[in-house]
Amino acid sequence: MERTNFLIEVLDSTFDKESWYAPFKHAVEGLTAEQAMWKPAGETTKNIWENVNHLIYYKERLTANLEDREWTHHLDGDQTFYLIQPSSDEKEWKDVVERANNAQRNLRQTLSTLSDRELDQNLLDRKLLDIMLHDAYHTGQIMQLRKMQGSWPSTR
């Protein structure tokens, strides 16, 4: 299997192709804005919306880097959770989910154009695998929050 095809397959498994764990798309499916903003009482954890913001930021930044585009939206790790301010507006939540879908689609498209030689430059394989592991980690947090609020499993 070509390296780019392998990386795309793994990227898809973290986003929308169910493997032995639920992908991101299923983890946010059917959520309302209110559920996305929910936090357990007394906890200092991030909510689902904030986790989705965080994933969007790093995926958009990686895509820009892979495309040699200048990235001007420099945020520190904590700021990325507040990329788009959570609100009770359902349209705003749907827009955030759509932005996550677009970030995935754009990264996938960019990845599909890379040659093995380009992957070798700047340790791109490692950066791509890091983002995929990062997505899987935060998707697990999203599912845990849904379990705590009683909205998991999602109704698909």
C-alpha atoms as a PDB file:
ATOM      1  CA  MET A   1       0.000   0.000   0.000  1.00  0.00           C
ATOM      2  CA  GLU A   2       1.304   3.408  -0.916  1.00  0.00           C
ATOM      3  CA  ARG A   3       2.200   5.532   2.120  1.00  0.00           C
ATOM      4  CA  THR A   4      -0.260   8.298   1.288  1.00  0.00           C
ATOM      5  CA  ASN A   5      -3.063   5.751   0.886  1.00  0.00           C
ATOM      6  CA  PHE A   6      -2.168   4.240   4.245  1.00  0.00           C
ATOM      7  CA  LEU A   7      -2.160   7.661   5.923  1.00  0.00           C
ATOM      8  CA  ILE A   8      -5.493   8.566   4.320  1.00  0.00           C
ATOM      9  CA  GLU A   9      -6.967   5.281   5.541  1.00  0.00           C
ATOM     10  CA  VAL A  10      -5.841   6.013   9.108  1.00  0.00           C
ATOM     11  CA  LEU A  11      -7.059   9.628   8.848  1.00  0.00           C
ATOM     12  CA  ASP A  12     -10.460   8.387   7.690  1.00  0.00           C
ATOM     13  CA  SER A  13     -10.650   5.889  10.557  1.00  0.00           C
ATOM     14  CA  THR A  14     -10.262   8.705  13.090  1.00  0.00           C
ATOM     15  CA  PHE A  15     -12.888  10.844  11.378  1.00  0.00           C
ATOM     16  CA  ASP A  16     -15.708   8.952   9.711  1.00  0.00           C
ATOM     17  CA  LYS A  17     -14.832   5.309   9.023  1.00  0.00           C
ATOM     18  CA  GLU A  18     -15.641   3.167  12.022  1.00  0.00           C
ATOM     19  CA  SER A  19     -12.896   0.775  12.970  1.00  0.00           C
ATOM     20  CA  TRP A  20     -12.688  -0.825  16.409  1.00  0.00           C
ATOM     21  CA  TYR A  21     -13.429   2.577  17.961  1.00  0.00           C
ATOM     22  CA  ALA A  22     -15.980   5.250  17.090  1.00  0.00           C
ATOM     23  CA  PRO A  23     -14.694   8.041  14.831  1.00  0.00           C
ATOM     24  CA  PHE A  24     -15.106  11.768  15.417  1.00  0.00           C
ATOM     25  CA  LYS A  25     -18.098  12.155  13.096  1.00  0.00           C
ATOM     26  CA  HIS A  26     -20.118   9.626  15.103  1.00  0.00           C
ATOM     27  CA  ALA A  27     -18.985  11.189  18.377  1.00  0.00           C
ATOM     28  CA  VAL A  28     -20.558  14.562  17.501  1.00  0.00           C
ATOM     29  CA  GLU A  29     -23.515  13.229  15.524  1.00  0.00           C
ATOM     30  CA  GLY A  30     -26.904  14.323  16.814  1.00  0.00           C
ATOM     31  CA  LEU A  31     -25.522  16.683  19.451  1.00  0.00           C
ATOM     32  CA  THR A  32     -27.321  19.915  20.221  1.00  0.00           C
ATOM     33  CA  ALA A  33     -25.508  23.148  21.013  1.00  0.00           C
ATOM     34  CA  GLU A  34     -26.599  22.772  24.640  1.00  0.00           C
ATOM     35  CA  GLN A  35     -25.121  19.262  24.836  1.00  0.00           C
ATOM     36  CA  ALA A  36     -21.926  20.477  23.143  1.00  0.00           C
ATOM     37  CA  MET A  37     -21.525  23.176  25.832  1.00  0.00           C
ATOM     38  CA  TRP A  38     -22.317  20.893  28.796  1.00  0.00           C
ATOM     39  CA  LYS A  39     -19.716  20.327  31.520  1.00  0.00           C
ATOM     40  CA  PRO A  40     -20.018  18.070  34.547  1.00  0.00           C
ATOM     41  CA  ALA A  41     -20.606  19.977  37.800  1.00  0.00           C
ATOM     42  CA  GLY A  42     -17.446  20.936  39.622  1.00  0.00           C
ATOM     43  CA  GLU A  43     -15.190  19.729  36.845  1.00  0.00           C
ATOM     44  CA  THR A  44     -12.574  21.816  35.075  1.00  0.00           C
ATOM     45  CA  THR A  45     -12.674  19.731  31.923  1.00  0.00           C
ATOM     46  CA  LYS A  46     -13.234  21.192  28.473  1.00  0.00           C
ATOM     47  CA  ASN A  47     -16.662  20.747  26.937  1.00  0.00           C
ATOM     48  CA  ILE A  48     -17.355  19.054  23.605  1.00  0.00           C
ATOM     49  CA  TRP A  49     -17.545  22.349  21.677  1.00  0.00           C
ATOM     50  CA  GLU A  50     -14.140  23.381  23.029  1.00  0.00           C
ATOM     51  CA  ASN A  51     -12.634  20.020  22.062  1.00  0.00           C
ATOM     52  CA  VAL A  52     -14.019  20.372  18.530  1.00  0.00           C
ATOM     53  CA  ASN A  53     -12.496  23.874  18.303  1.00  0.00           C
ATOM     54  CA  HIS A  54      -9.143  22.451  19.345  1.00  0.00           C
ATOM     55  CA  LEU A  55      -9.264  19.711  16.702  1.00  0.00           C
ATOM     56  CA  ILE A  56     -10.273  22.188  13.981  1.00  0.00           C
ATOM     57  CA  TYR A  57      -7.401  24.519  14.774  1.00  0.00           C
ATOM     58  CA  TYR A  58      -4.672  21.910  14.541  1.00  0.00           C
ATOM     59  CA  LYS A  59      -6.096  20.298  11.416  1.00  0.00           C
ATOM     60  CA  GLU A  60      -6.404  23.655   9.633  1.00  0.00           C
ATOM     61  CA  ARG A  61      -2.883  24.625  10.705  1.00  0.00           C
ATOM     62  CA  LEU A  62      -1.392  21.336   9.489  1.00  0.00           C
ATOM     63  CA  THR A  63      -3.166  21.677   6.134  1.00  0.00           C
ATOM     64  CA  ALA A  64      -1.805  25.197   5.711  1.00  0.00           C
ATOM     65  CA  ASN A  65       1.699  23.940   6.517  1.00  0.00           C
ATOM     66  CA  LEU A  66       1.407  21.050   4.061  1.00  0.00           C
ATOM     67  CA  GLU A  67       0.264  23.481   1.370  1.00  0.00           C
ATOM     68  CA  ASP A  68       3.100  25.918   2.195  1.00  0.00           C
ATOM     69  CA  ARG A  69       0.553  28.603   3.045  1.00  0.00           C
ATOM     70  CA  GLU A  70       1.447  31.183   5.648  1.00  0.00           C
ATOM     71  CA  TRP A  71      -0.350  30.525   8.933  1.00  0.00           C
ATOM     72  CA  THR A  72      -1.252  33.786  10.676  1.00  0.00           C
ATOM     73  CA  HIS A  73      -3.683  32.539  13.343  1.00  0.00           C
ATOM     74  CA  HIS A  74      -1.106  31.684  15.987  1.00  0.00           C
ATOM     75  CA  LEU A  75      -2.727  30.495  19.206  1.00  0.00           C
ATOM     76  CA  ASP A  76      -1.224  28.713  22.166  1.00  0.00           C
ATOM     77  CA  GLY A  77      -2.568  25.285  23.085  1.00  0.00           C
ATOM     78  CA  ASP A  78      -5.141  26.579  25.570  1.00  0.00           C
ATOM     79  CA  GLN A  79      -6.423  29.338  23.248  1.00  0.00           C
ATOM     80  CA  THR A  80      -7.271  26.769  20.573  1.00  0.00           C
ATOM     81  CA  PHE A  81     -10.148  25.469  22.687  1.00  0.00           C
ATOM     82  CA  TYR A  82     -11.825  28.885  22.350  1.00  0.00           C
ATOM     83  CA  LEU A  83     -11.416  29.282  18.574  1.00  0.00           C
ATOM     84  CA  ILE A  84     -15.188  29.777  18.219  1.00  0.00           C
ATOM     85  CA  GLN A  85     -17.043  30.878  21.334  1.00  0.00           C
ATOM     86  CA  PRO A  86     -19.611  28.265  22.402  1.00  0.00           C
ATOM     87  CA  SER A  87     -23.211  29.448  22.374  1.00  0.00           C
ATOM     88  CA  SER A  88     -26.688  27.994  22.621  1.00  0.00           C
ATOM     89  CA  ASP A  89     -27.323  28.865  18.963  1.00  0.00           C
ATOM     90  CA  GLU A  90     -27.940  25.632  17.034  1.00  0.00           C
ATOM     91  CA  LYS A  91     -26.812  27.164  13.735  1.00  0.00           C
ATOM     92  CA  GLU A  92     -23.484  28.211  15.239  1.00  0.00           C
ATOM     93  CA  TRP A  93     -22.939  24.664  16.533  1.00  0.00           C
ATOM     94  CA  LYS A  94     -23.816  23.197  13.131  1.00  0.00           C
ATOM     95  CA  ASP A  95     -21.357  25.660  11.548  1.00  0.00           C
ATOM     96  CA  VAL A  96     -18.615  24.449  13.911  1.00  0.00           C
ATOM     97  CA  VAL A  97     -19.318  20.832  12.996  1.00  0.00           C
ATOM     98  CA  GLU A  98     -19.272  21.785   9.299  1.00  0.00           C
ATOM     99  CA  ARG A  99     -15.954  23.575   9.802  1.00  0.00           C
ATOM    100  CA  ALA A 100     -14.593  20.358  11.343  1.00  0.00           C
ATOM    101  CA  ASN A 101     -15.859  18.451   8.278  1.00  0.00           C
ATOM    102  CA  ASN A 102     -14.187  20.983   5.970  1.00  0.00           C
ATOM    103  CA  ALA A 103     -10.921  20.819   7.905  1.00  0.00           C
ATOM    104  CA  GLN A 104     -10.936  17.037   7.484  1.00  0.00           C
ATOM    105  CA  ARG A 105     -11.850  17.215   3.802  1.00  0.00           C
ATOM    106  CA  ASN A 106      -9.122  19.793   3.103  1.00  0.00           C
ATOM    107  CA  LEU A 107      -6.440  17.843   4.975  1.00  0.00           C
ATOM    108  CA  ARG A 108      -7.457  14.639   3.219  1.00  0.00           C
ATOM    109  CA  GLN A 109      -7.341  16.347  -0.196  1.00  0.00           C
ATOM    110  CA  THR A 110      -3.930  17.871   0.499  1.00  0.00           C
ATOM    111  CA  LEU A 111      -2.587  14.575   1.790  1.00  0.00           C
ATOM    112  CA  SER A 112      -3.765  12.779  -1.349  1.00  0.00           C
ATOM    113  CA  THR A 113      -1.503  14.992  -3.479  1.00  0.00           C
ATOM    114  CA  LEU A 114       1.708  14.317  -1.536  1.00  0.00           C
ATOM    115  CA  SER A 115       4.433  12.071  -2.880  1.00  0.00           C
ATOM    116  CA  ASP A 116       6.582   9.780  -0.766  1.00  0.00           C
ATOM    117  CA  ARG A 117       9.448  12.233  -1.237  1.00  0.00           C
ATOM    118  CA  GLU A 118       7.309  15.080   0.106  1.00  0.00           C
ATOM    119  CA  LEU A 119       6.286  12.920   3.068  1.00  0.00           C
ATOM    120  CA  ASP A 120       9.978  12.378   3.835  1.00  0.00           C
ATOM    121  CA  GLN A 121      10.577  16.127   4.028  1.00  0.00           C
ATOM    122  CA  ASN A 122      10.134  17.683   7.448  1.00  0.00           C
ATOM    123  CA  LEU A 123       8.962  14.399   9.008  1.00  0.00           C
ATOM    124  CA  LEU A 124       5.466  14.756   7.535  1.00  0.00           C
ATOM    125  CA  ASP A 125       4.590  11.121   8.289  1.00  0.00           C
ATOM    126  CA  ARG A 126       5.159  11.813  11.965  1.00  0.00           C
ATOM    127  CA  LYS A 127       3.180  15.075  11.941  1.00  0.00           C
ATOM    128  CA  LEU A 128       0.277  13.358  10.208  1.00  0.00           C
ATOM    129  CA  LEU A 129       0.281  10.410  12.601  1.00  0.00           C
ATOM    130  CA  ASP A 130       0.475  12.826  15.534  1.00  0.00           C
ATOM    131  CA  ILE A 131      -2.638  14.682  14.349  1.00  0.00           C
ATOM    132  CA  MET A 132      -4.484  11.389  13.902  1.00  0.00           C
ATOM    133  CA  LEU A 133      -3.595  10.193  17.400  1.00  0.00           C
ATOM    134  CA  HIS A 134      -4.538  13.631  18.718  1.00  0.00           C
ATOM    135  CA  ASP A 135      -7.947  13.384  17.006  1.00  0.00           C
ATOM    136  CA  ALA A 136      -8.549   9.909  18.443  1.00  0.00           C
ATOM    137  CA  TYR A 137      -7.601  11.081  21.945  1.00  0.00           C
ATOM    138  CA  HIS A 138      -9.984  14.056  21.920  1.00  0.00           C
ATOM    139  CA  THR A 139     -12.740  12.018  20.267  1.00  0.00           C
ATOM    140  CA  GLY A 140     -12.489   9.692  23.259  1.00  0.00           C
ATOM    141  CA  GLN A 141     -12.926  12.688  25.554  1.00  0.00           C
ATOM    142  CA  ILE A 142     -16.001  13.761  23.587  1.00  0.00           C
ATOM    143  CA  MET A 143     -17.529  10.297  23.946  1.00  0.00           C
ATOM    144  CA  GLN A 144     -16.762  10.254  27.662  1.00  0.00           C
ATOM    145  CA  LEU A 145     -18.526  13.611  28.101  1.00  0.00           C
ATOM    146  CA  ARG A 146     -21.511  12.264  26.181  1.00  0.00           C
ATOM    147  CA  LYS A 147     -21.614   9.203  28.422  1.00  0.00           C
ATOM    148  CA  MET A 148     -21.529  11.435  31.494  1.00  0.00           C
ATOM    149  CA  GLN A 149     -24.433  13.535  30.196  1.00  0.00           C
ATOM    150  CA  GLY A 150     -26.410  10.496  29.073  1.00  0.00           C
ATOM    151  CA  SER A 151     -26.348  11.256  25.346  1.00  0.00           C
ATOM    152  CA  TRP A 152     -24.156   8.314  24.235  1.00  0.00           C
ATOM    153  CA  PRO A 153     -24.432   6.257  22.191  1.00  0.00           C
ATOM    154  CA  SER A 154     -25.464   8.684  19.532  1.00  0.00           C
ATOM    155  CA  THR A 155     -28.540   7.914  17.484  1.00  0.00           C
ATOM    156  CA  ARG A 156     -27.246   7.319  13.988  1.00  0.00           C
END
